[in-house]
ModelCIF file with pLDDT and N, C-alpha, C, O atoms, coordinates in Angstrom:
data_MODEL
#
_entry.id   MODEL 
#
_entity.id                         1 
_entity.type                       polymer 
_entity.pdbx_number_of_molecules   1 
#
_entity_poly.entity_id                      1 
_entity_poly.type                           'polypeptide(L)' 
_entity_poly.nstd_linkage                   no 
_entity_poly.nstd_monomer                   no 
_entity_poly.pdbx_seq_one_letter_code       RFAPIAHTFPVAGFLIALPGALLFWLLLMLGASPLVAA 
_entity_poly.pdbx_seq_one_letter_code_can   RFAPIAHTFPVAGFLIALPGALLFWLLLMLGASPLVAA 
_entity_poly.pdbx_strand_id                 A 
#
loop_
_entity_poly_seq.entity_id 
_entity_poly_seq.num 
_entity_poly_seq.mon_id 
_entity_poly_seq.hetero 
1 1  ARG n 
1 2  PHE n 
1 3  ALA n 
1 4  PRO n 
1 5  ILE n 
1 6  ALA n 
1 7  HIS n 
1 8  THR n 
1 9  PHE n 
1 10 PRO n 
1 11 VAL n 
1 12 ALA n 
1 13 GLY n 
1 14 PHE n 
1 15 LEU n 
1 16 ILE n 
1 17 ALA n 
1 18 LEU n 
1 19 PRO n 
1 20 GLY n 
1 21 ALA n 
1 22 LEU n 
1 23 LEU n 
1 24 PHE n 
1 25 TRP n 
1 26 LEU n 
1 27 LEU n 
1 28 LEU n 
1 29 MET n 
1 30 LEU n 
1 31 GLY n 
1 32 ALA n 
1 33 SER n 
1 34 PRO n 
1 35 LEU n 
1 36 VAL n 
1 37 ALA n 
1 38 ALA n 
#
_struct_asym.id          A 
_struct_asym.entity_id   1 
#
loop_
_ma_qa_metric.id 
_ma_qa_metric.mode 
_ma_qa_metric.name 
_ma_qa_metric.software_group_id 
_ma_qa_metric.type 
1 global pLDDT . pLDDT 
2 local  pLDDT . pLDDT 
#
_ma_qa_metric_global.metric_id      1 
_ma_qa_metric_global.metric_value   96.61 
_ma_qa_metric_global.model_id       1 
_ma_qa_metric_global.ordinal_id     1 
#
loop_
_ma_qa_metric_local.label_asym_id 
_ma_qa_metric_local.label_comp_id 
_ma_qa_metric_local.label_seq_id 
_ma_qa_metric_local.metric_id 
_ma_qa_metric_local.metric_value 
_ma_qa_metric_local.model_id 
_ma_qa_metric_local.ordinal_id 
A ARG 1  2 87.00 1 1  
A PHE 2  2 89.00 1 2  
A ALA 3  2 89.00 1 3  
A PRO 4  2 92.00 1 4  
A ILE 5  2 94.00 1 5  
A ALA 6  2 95.00 1 6  
A HIS 7  2 96.00 1 7  
A THR 8  2 97.00 1 8  
A PHE 9  2 98.00 1 9  
A PRO 10 2 98.00 1 10 
A VAL 11 2 98.00 1 11 
A ALA 12 2 97.00 1 12 
A GLY 13 2 97.00 1 13 
A PHE 14 2 98.00 1 14 
A LEU 15 2 97.00 1 15 
A ILE 16 2 97.00 1 16 
A ALA 17 2 98.00 1 17 
A LEU 18 2 98.00 1 18 
A PRO 19 2 98.00 1 19 
A GLY 20 2 98.00 1 20 
A ALA 21 2 98.00 1 21 
A LEU 22 2 98.00 1 22 
A LEU 23 2 98.00 1 23 
A PHE 24 2 98.00 1 24 
A TRP 25 2 98.00 1 25 
A LEU 26 2 98.00 1 26 
A LEU 27 2 98.00 1 27 
A LEU 28 2 98.00 1 28 
A MET 29 2 98.00 1 29 
A LEU 30 2 98.00 1 30 
A GLY 31 2 97.00 1 31 
A ALA 32 2 97.00 1 32 
A SER 33 2 97.00 1 33 
A PRO 34 2 98.00 1 34 
A LEU 35 2 97.00 1 35 
A VAL 36 2 98.00 1 36 
A ALA 37 2 98.00 1 37 
A ALA 38 2 98.00 1 38 
#
loop_
_atom_site.group_PDB 
_atom_site.id 
_atom_site.type_symbol 
_atom_site.label_atom_id 
_atom_site.label_alt_id 
_atom_site.label_comp_id 
_atom_site.label_asym_id 
_atom_site.label_entity_id 
_atom_site.label_seq_id 
_atom_site.pdbx_PDB_ins_code 
_atom_site.Cartn_x 
_atom_site.Cartn_y 
_atom_site.Cartn_z 
_atom_site.occupancy 
_atom_site.B_iso_or_equiv 
_atom_site.pdbx_formal_charge 
_atom_site.auth_seq_id 
_atom_site.auth_comp_id 
_atom_site.auth_asym_id 
_atom_site.auth_atom_id 
_atom_site.pdbx_PDB_model_num 
ATOM 1   N N  . ARG A 1 1  ? 1.042  -1.177 -0.092  1.00 87.00 ? 1  ARG A N  1 
ATOM 2   C CA . ARG A 1 1  ? -0.141 0.319  0.224   1.00 87.00 ? 1  ARG A CA 1 
ATOM 3   C C  . ARG A 1 1  ? 0.824  1.295  0.248   1.00 87.00 ? 1  ARG A C  1 
ATOM 4   O O  . ARG A 1 1  ? 1.575  1.518  1.198   1.00 87.00 ? 1  ARG A O  1 
ATOM 5   N N  . PHE A 1 2  ? 0.784  2.230  -1.444  1.00 89.00 ? 2  PHE A N  1 
ATOM 6   C CA . PHE A 1 2  ? 1.439  3.621  -1.583  1.00 89.00 ? 2  PHE A CA 1 
ATOM 7   C C  . PHE A 1 2  ? 1.037  3.828  -0.977  1.00 89.00 ? 2  PHE A C  1 
ATOM 8   O O  . PHE A 1 2  ? 1.827  3.969  -0.043  1.00 89.00 ? 2  PHE A O  1 
ATOM 9   N N  . ALA A 1 3  ? 0.044  4.030  -0.677  1.00 89.00 ? 3  ALA A N  1 
ATOM 10  C CA . ALA A 1 3  ? -1.320 5.284  0.040   1.00 89.00 ? 3  ALA A CA 1 
ATOM 11  C C  . ALA A 1 3  ? -0.420 5.988  0.786   1.00 89.00 ? 3  ALA A C  1 
ATOM 12  O O  . ALA A 1 3  ? 0.151  6.976  0.323   1.00 89.00 ? 3  ALA A O  1 
ATOM 13  N N  . PRO A 1 4  ? -0.150 5.401  2.388   1.00 92.00 ? 4  PRO A N  1 
ATOM 14  C CA . PRO A 1 4  ? 0.492  5.940  3.327   1.00 92.00 ? 4  PRO A CA 1 
ATOM 15  C C  . PRO A 1 4  ? 1.817  6.925  3.075   1.00 92.00 ? 4  PRO A C  1 
ATOM 16  O O  . PRO A 1 4  ? 2.077  8.037  3.533   1.00 92.00 ? 4  PRO A O  1 
ATOM 17  N N  . ILE A 1 5  ? 2.677  5.901  1.994   1.00 94.00 ? 5  ILE A N  1 
ATOM 18  C CA . ILE A 1 5  ? 4.280  6.861  2.003   1.00 94.00 ? 5  ILE A CA 1 
ATOM 19  C C  . ILE A 1 5  ? 3.887  7.587  0.747   1.00 94.00 ? 5  ILE A C  1 
ATOM 20  O O  . ILE A 1 5  ? 4.864  7.583  -0.001  1.00 94.00 ? 5  ILE A O  1 
ATOM 21  N N  . ALA A 1 6  ? 3.095  8.070  0.324   1.00 95.00 ? 6  ALA A N  1 
ATOM 22  C CA . ALA A 1 6  ? 2.808  9.078  -0.276  1.00 95.00 ? 6  ALA A CA 1 
ATOM 23  C C  . ALA A 1 6  ? 3.505  10.293 -0.563  1.00 95.00 ? 6  ALA A C  1 
ATOM 24  O O  . ALA A 1 6  ? 3.909  10.680 -1.660  1.00 95.00 ? 6  ALA A O  1 
ATOM 25  N N  . HIS A 1 7  ? 3.596  10.831 0.520   1.00 96.00 ? 7  HIS A N  1 
ATOM 26  C CA . HIS A 1 7  ? 4.042  12.512 0.335   1.00 96.00 ? 7  HIS A CA 1 
ATOM 27  C C  . HIS A 1 7  ? 5.568  11.620 0.394   1.00 96.00 ? 7  HIS A C  1 
ATOM 28  O O  . HIS A 1 7  ? 6.366  12.436 0.854   1.00 96.00 ? 7  HIS A O  1 
ATOM 29  N N  . THR A 1 8  ? 6.010  10.834 0.235   1.00 97.00 ? 8  THR A N  1 
ATOM 30  C CA . THR A 1 8  ? 7.764  11.142 -0.355  1.00 97.00 ? 8  THR A CA 1 
ATOM 31  C C  . THR A 1 8  ? 7.383  10.926 -1.813  1.00 97.00 ? 8  THR A C  1 
ATOM 32  O O  . THR A 1 8  ? 8.347  10.517 -2.461  1.00 97.00 ? 8  THR A O  1 
ATOM 33  N N  . PHE A 1 9  ? 6.225  11.082 -2.553  1.00 98.00 ? 9  PHE A N  1 
ATOM 34  C CA . PHE A 1 9  ? 6.502  11.086 -4.432  1.00 98.00 ? 9  PHE A CA 1 
ATOM 35  C C  . PHE A 1 9  ? 7.251  12.302 -4.015  1.00 98.00 ? 9  PHE A C  1 
ATOM 36  O O  . PHE A 1 9  ? 8.475  12.311 -4.148  1.00 98.00 ? 9  PHE A O  1 
ATOM 37  N N  . PRO A 1 10 ? 6.752  13.119 -3.623  1.00 98.00 ? 10 PRO A N  1 
ATOM 38  C CA . PRO A 1 10 ? 7.895  14.424 -4.308  1.00 98.00 ? 10 PRO A CA 1 
ATOM 39  C C  . PRO A 1 10 ? 9.368  14.016 -4.428  1.00 98.00 ? 10 PRO A C  1 
ATOM 40  O O  . PRO A 1 10 ? 9.730  13.878 -5.597  1.00 98.00 ? 10 PRO A O  1 
ATOM 41  N N  . VAL A 1 11 ? 10.111 13.837 -3.684  1.00 98.00 ? 11 VAL A N  1 
ATOM 42  C CA . VAL A 1 11 ? 11.349 13.053 -2.779  1.00 98.00 ? 11 VAL A CA 1 
ATOM 43  C C  . VAL A 1 11 ? 11.871 12.435 -4.017  1.00 98.00 ? 11 VAL A C  1 
ATOM 44  O O  . VAL A 1 11 ? 12.702 12.969 -4.752  1.00 98.00 ? 11 VAL A O  1 
ATOM 45  N N  . ALA A 1 12 ? 11.391 11.405 -4.180  1.00 97.00 ? 12 ALA A N  1 
ATOM 46  C CA . ALA A 1 12 ? 11.196 10.498 -5.115  1.00 97.00 ? 12 ALA A CA 1 
ATOM 47  C C  . ALA A 1 12 ? 11.503 10.748 -6.552  1.00 97.00 ? 12 ALA A C  1 
ATOM 48  O O  . ALA A 1 12 ? 12.362 10.127 -7.178  1.00 97.00 ? 12 ALA A O  1 
ATOM 49  N N  . GLY A 1 13 ? 10.629 11.845 -7.114  1.00 97.00 ? 13 GLY A N  1 
ATOM 50  C CA . GLY A 1 13 ? 10.537 12.235 -7.905  1.00 97.00 ? 13 GLY A CA 1 
ATOM 51  C C  . GLY A 1 13 ? 11.693 13.422 -8.405  1.00 97.00 ? 13 GLY A C  1 
ATOM 52  O O  . GLY A 1 13 ? 12.268 13.533 -9.488  1.00 97.00 ? 13 GLY A O  1 
ATOM 53  N N  . PHE A 1 14 ? 11.773 14.145 -7.325  1.00 98.00 ? 14 PHE A N  1 
ATOM 54  C CA . PHE A 1 14 ? 13.303 14.721 -7.483  1.00 98.00 ? 14 PHE A CA 1 
ATOM 55  C C  . PHE A 1 14 ? 14.761 13.708 -7.564  1.00 98.00 ? 14 PHE A C  1 
ATOM 56  O O  . PHE A 1 14 ? 15.496 13.997 -8.508  1.00 98.00 ? 14 PHE A O  1 
ATOM 57  N N  . LEU A 1 15 ? 14.969 13.201 -7.168  1.00 97.00 ? 15 LEU A N  1 
ATOM 58  C CA . LEU A 1 15 ? 15.682 12.077 -7.122  1.00 97.00 ? 15 LEU A CA 1 
ATOM 59  C C  . LEU A 1 15 ? 15.500 11.586 -8.740  1.00 97.00 ? 15 LEU A C  1 
ATOM 60  O O  . LEU A 1 15 ? 16.493 11.307 -9.411  1.00 97.00 ? 15 LEU A O  1 
ATOM 61  N N  . ILE A 1 16 ? 13.959 11.503 -9.359  1.00 97.00 ? 16 ILE A N  1 
ATOM 62  C CA . ILE A 1 16 ? 14.306 9.983  -10.367 1.00 97.00 ? 16 ILE A CA 1 
ATOM 63  C C  . ILE A 1 16 ? 14.634 11.477 -11.412 1.00 97.00 ? 16 ILE A C  1 
ATOM 64  O O  . ILE A 1 16 ? 14.921 11.405 -12.607 1.00 97.00 ? 16 ILE A O  1 
ATOM 65  N N  . ALA A 1 17 ? 14.538 12.445 -10.821 1.00 98.00 ? 17 ALA A N  1 
ATOM 66  C CA . ALA A 1 17 ? 14.860 13.416 -12.574 1.00 98.00 ? 17 ALA A CA 1 
ATOM 67  C C  . ALA A 1 17 ? 16.262 13.661 -13.060 1.00 98.00 ? 17 ALA A C  1 
ATOM 68  O O  . ALA A 1 17 ? 16.816 13.797 -14.150 1.00 98.00 ? 17 ALA A O  1 
ATOM 69  N N  . LEU A 1 18 ? 16.779 13.658 -11.114 1.00 98.00 ? 18 LEU A N  1 
ATOM 70  C CA . LEU A 1 18 ? 18.303 14.337 -11.488 1.00 98.00 ? 18 LEU A CA 1 
ATOM 71  C C  . LEU A 1 18 ? 19.233 13.520 -12.751 1.00 98.00 ? 18 LEU A C  1 
ATOM 72  O O  . LEU A 1 18 ? 19.800 14.297 -13.519 1.00 98.00 ? 18 LEU A O  1 
ATOM 73  N N  . PRO A 1 19 ? 19.447 11.904 -13.044 1.00 98.00 ? 19 PRO A N  1 
ATOM 74  C CA . PRO A 1 19 ? 20.211 11.691 -14.351 1.00 98.00 ? 19 PRO A CA 1 
ATOM 75  C C  . PRO A 1 19 ? 19.369 12.863 -15.130 1.00 98.00 ? 19 PRO A C  1 
ATOM 76  O O  . PRO A 1 19 ? 19.526 14.050 -14.840 1.00 98.00 ? 19 PRO A O  1 
ATOM 77  N N  . GLY A 1 20 ? 18.770 12.570 -15.801 1.00 98.00 ? 20 GLY A N  1 
ATOM 78  C CA . GLY A 1 20 ? 18.126 13.685 -16.438 1.00 98.00 ? 20 GLY A CA 1 
ATOM 79  C C  . GLY A 1 20 ? 18.381 15.167 -16.421 1.00 98.00 ? 20 GLY A C  1 
ATOM 80  O O  . GLY A 1 20 ? 18.101 15.941 -17.337 1.00 98.00 ? 20 GLY A O  1 
ATOM 81  N N  . ALA A 1 21 ? 19.203 15.615 -14.747 1.00 98.00 ? 21 ALA A N  1 
ATOM 82  C CA . ALA A 1 21 ? 18.949 17.111 -15.319 1.00 98.00 ? 21 ALA A CA 1 
ATOM 83  C C  . ALA A 1 21 ? 20.699 17.253 -15.653 1.00 98.00 ? 21 ALA A C  1 
ATOM 84  O O  . ALA A 1 21 ? 21.350 18.013 -16.371 1.00 98.00 ? 21 ALA A O  1 
ATOM 85  N N  . LEU A 1 22 ? 21.108 15.963 -14.617 1.00 98.00 ? 22 LEU A N  1 
ATOM 86  C CA . LEU A 1 22 ? 22.653 16.048 -15.484 1.00 98.00 ? 22 LEU A CA 1 
ATOM 87  C C  . LEU A 1 22 ? 22.763 15.213 -16.788 1.00 98.00 ? 22 LEU A C  1 
ATOM 88  O O  . LEU A 1 22 ? 23.964 14.985 -16.931 1.00 98.00 ? 22 LEU A O  1 
ATOM 89  N N  . LEU A 1 23 ? 22.248 14.804 -17.531 1.00 98.00 ? 23 LEU A N  1 
ATOM 90  C CA . LEU A 1 23 ? 22.898 14.990 -18.839 1.00 98.00 ? 23 LEU A CA 1 
ATOM 91  C C  . LEU A 1 23 ? 22.424 15.981 -19.518 1.00 98.00 ? 23 LEU A C  1 
ATOM 92  O O  . LEU A 1 23 ? 23.068 16.429 -20.467 1.00 98.00 ? 23 LEU A O  1 
ATOM 93  N N  . PHE A 1 24 ? 20.838 16.662 -19.042 1.00 98.00 ? 24 PHE A N  1 
ATOM 94  C CA . PHE A 1 24 ? 21.249 17.918 -19.410 1.00 98.00 ? 24 PHE A CA 1 
ATOM 95  C C  . PHE A 1 24 ? 22.646 19.281 -19.648 1.00 98.00 ? 24 PHE A C  1 
ATOM 96  O O  . PHE A 1 24 ? 23.315 19.664 -20.608 1.00 98.00 ? 24 PHE A O  1 
ATOM 97  N N  . TRP A 1 25 ? 22.527 19.727 -17.873 1.00 98.00 ? 25 TRP A N  1 
ATOM 98  C CA . TRP A 1 25 ? 23.345 20.368 -17.631 1.00 98.00 ? 25 TRP A CA 1 
ATOM 99  C C  . TRP A 1 25 ? 24.665 19.720 -18.729 1.00 98.00 ? 25 TRP A C  1 
ATOM 100 O O  . TRP A 1 25 ? 25.000 20.745 -19.323 1.00 98.00 ? 25 TRP A O  1 
ATOM 101 N N  . LEU A 1 26 ? 25.469 18.681 -19.226 1.00 98.00 ? 26 LEU A N  1 
ATOM 102 C CA . LEU A 1 26 ? 26.549 17.305 -19.102 1.00 98.00 ? 26 LEU A CA 1 
ATOM 103 C C  . LEU A 1 26 ? 26.784 18.829 -20.636 1.00 98.00 ? 26 LEU A C  1 
ATOM 104 O O  . LEU A 1 26 ? 27.655 19.658 -20.900 1.00 98.00 ? 26 LEU A O  1 
ATOM 105 N N  . LEU A 1 27 ? 24.881 18.273 -21.471 1.00 98.00 ? 27 LEU A N  1 
ATOM 106 C CA . LEU A 1 27 ? 25.206 18.314 -22.764 1.00 98.00 ? 27 LEU A CA 1 
ATOM 107 C C  . LEU A 1 27 ? 25.148 20.146 -23.046 1.00 98.00 ? 27 LEU A C  1 
ATOM 108 O O  . LEU A 1 27 ? 25.848 20.659 -23.919 1.00 98.00 ? 27 LEU A O  1 
ATOM 109 N N  . LEU A 1 28 ? 24.306 20.879 -22.252 1.00 98.00 ? 28 LEU A N  1 
ATOM 110 C CA . LEU A 1 28 ? 24.766 22.630 -22.591 1.00 98.00 ? 28 LEU A CA 1 
ATOM 111 C C  . LEU A 1 28 ? 26.316 22.546 -22.347 1.00 98.00 ? 28 LEU A C  1 
ATOM 112 O O  . LEU A 1 28 ? 26.836 22.361 -23.447 1.00 98.00 ? 28 LEU A O  1 
ATOM 113 N N  . MET A 1 29 ? 27.125 22.597 -21.508 1.00 98.00 ? 29 MET A N  1 
ATOM 114 C CA . MET A 1 29 ? 28.566 22.361 -21.379 1.00 98.00 ? 29 MET A CA 1 
ATOM 115 C C  . MET A 1 29 ? 28.970 22.323 -22.895 1.00 98.00 ? 29 MET A C  1 
ATOM 116 O O  . MET A 1 29 ? 29.450 23.161 -23.658 1.00 98.00 ? 29 MET A O  1 
ATOM 117 N N  . LEU A 1 30 ? 28.727 21.501 -22.977 1.00 98.00 ? 30 LEU A N  1 
ATOM 118 C CA . LEU A 1 30 ? 29.756 20.568 -23.782 1.00 98.00 ? 30 LEU A CA 1 
ATOM 119 C C  . LEU A 1 30 ? 28.733 21.335 -25.410 1.00 98.00 ? 30 LEU A C  1 
ATOM 120 O O  . LEU A 1 30 ? 29.084 20.872 -26.496 1.00 98.00 ? 30 LEU A O  1 
ATOM 121 N N  . GLY A 1 31 ? 27.907 22.113 -25.417 1.00 97.00 ? 31 GLY A N  1 
ATOM 122 C CA . GLY A 1 31 ? 26.932 23.035 -26.502 1.00 97.00 ? 31 GLY A CA 1 
ATOM 123 C C  . GLY A 1 31 ? 26.775 22.345 -27.524 1.00 97.00 ? 31 GLY A C  1 
ATOM 124 O O  . GLY A 1 31 ? 27.239 22.438 -28.661 1.00 97.00 ? 31 GLY A O  1 
ATOM 125 N N  . ALA A 1 32 ? 25.873 21.426 -26.898 1.00 97.00 ? 32 ALA A N  1 
ATOM 126 C CA . ALA A 1 32 ? 25.547 20.997 -27.705 1.00 97.00 ? 32 ALA A CA 1 
ATOM 127 C C  . ALA A 1 32 ? 23.770 22.295 -27.635 1.00 97.00 ? 32 ALA A C  1 
ATOM 128 O O  . ALA A 1 32 ? 23.562 23.243 -26.878 1.00 97.00 ? 32 ALA A O  1 
ATOM 129 N N  . SER A 1 33 ? 22.864 21.713 -28.767 1.00 97.00 ? 33 SER A N  1 
ATOM 130 C CA . SER A 1 33 ? 22.236 23.193 -29.304 1.00 97.00 ? 33 SER A CA 1 
ATOM 131 C C  . SER A 1 33 ? 20.787 22.483 -27.895 1.00 97.00 ? 33 SER A C  1 
ATOM 132 O O  . SER A 1 33 ? 20.482 21.321 -27.627 1.00 97.00 ? 33 SER A O  1 
ATOM 133 N N  . PRO A 1 34 ? 20.260 23.785 -27.339 1.00 98.00 ? 34 PRO A N  1 
ATOM 134 C CA . PRO A 1 34 ? 19.855 23.794 -26.343 1.00 98.00 ? 34 PRO A CA 1 
ATOM 135 C C  . PRO A 1 34 ? 18.478 22.872 -26.194 1.00 98.00 ? 34 PRO A C  1 
ATOM 136 O O  . PRO A 1 34 ? 18.024 22.582 -25.087 1.00 98.00 ? 34 PRO A O  1 
ATOM 137 N N  . LEU A 1 35 ? 17.642 22.287 -27.914 1.00 97.00 ? 35 LEU A N  1 
ATOM 138 C CA . LEU A 1 35 ? 16.001 21.736 -27.583 1.00 97.00 ? 35 LEU A CA 1 
ATOM 139 C C  . LEU A 1 35 ? 16.667 20.111 -27.902 1.00 97.00 ? 35 LEU A C  1 
ATOM 140 O O  . LEU A 1 35 ? 16.033 19.184 -27.397 1.00 97.00 ? 35 LEU A O  1 
ATOM 141 N N  . VAL A 1 36 ? 18.274 19.657 -28.955 1.00 98.00 ? 36 VAL A N  1 
ATOM 142 C CA . VAL A 1 36 ? 18.754 18.069 -28.782 1.00 98.00 ? 36 VAL A CA 1 
ATOM 143 C C  . VAL A 1 36 ? 18.594 18.152 -26.831 1.00 98.00 ? 36 VAL A C  1 
ATOM 144 O O  . VAL A 1 36 ? 17.719 17.600 -26.163 1.00 98.00 ? 36 VAL A O  1 
ATOM 145 N N  . ALA A 1 37 ? 19.775 19.040 -26.304 1.00 98.00 ? 37 ALA A N  1 
ATOM 146 C CA . ALA A 1 37 ? 20.285 18.721 -25.134 1.00 98.00 ? 37 ALA A CA 1 
ATOM 147 C C  . ALA A 1 37 ? 18.199 18.401 -24.192 1.00 98.00 ? 37 ALA A C  1 
ATOM 148 O O  . ALA A 1 37 ? 17.944 17.615 -23.279 1.00 98.00 ? 37 ALA A O  1 
ATOM 149 N N  . ALA A 1 38 ? 17.585 18.989 -24.644 1.00 98.00 ? 38 ALA A N  1 
ATOM 150 C CA . ALA A 1 38 ? 16.103 18.891 -23.665 1.00 98.00 ? 38 ALA A CA 1 
ATOM 151 C C  . ALA A 1 38 ? 15.868 17.452 -24.654 1.00 98.00 ? 38 ALA A C  1 
ATOM 152 O O  . ALA A 1 38 ? 14.867 16.753 -24.500 1.00 98.00 ? 38 ALA A O  1 
#
């Protein structure tokens, strides 16, 4: 039953999105097009 721990979902969502954010930052630092990086 995940309902009782649903208050942790935003924290989990933040952590889950970190790999994508890291790739986004890395591609932008390497000079990739913003749209391609996104």
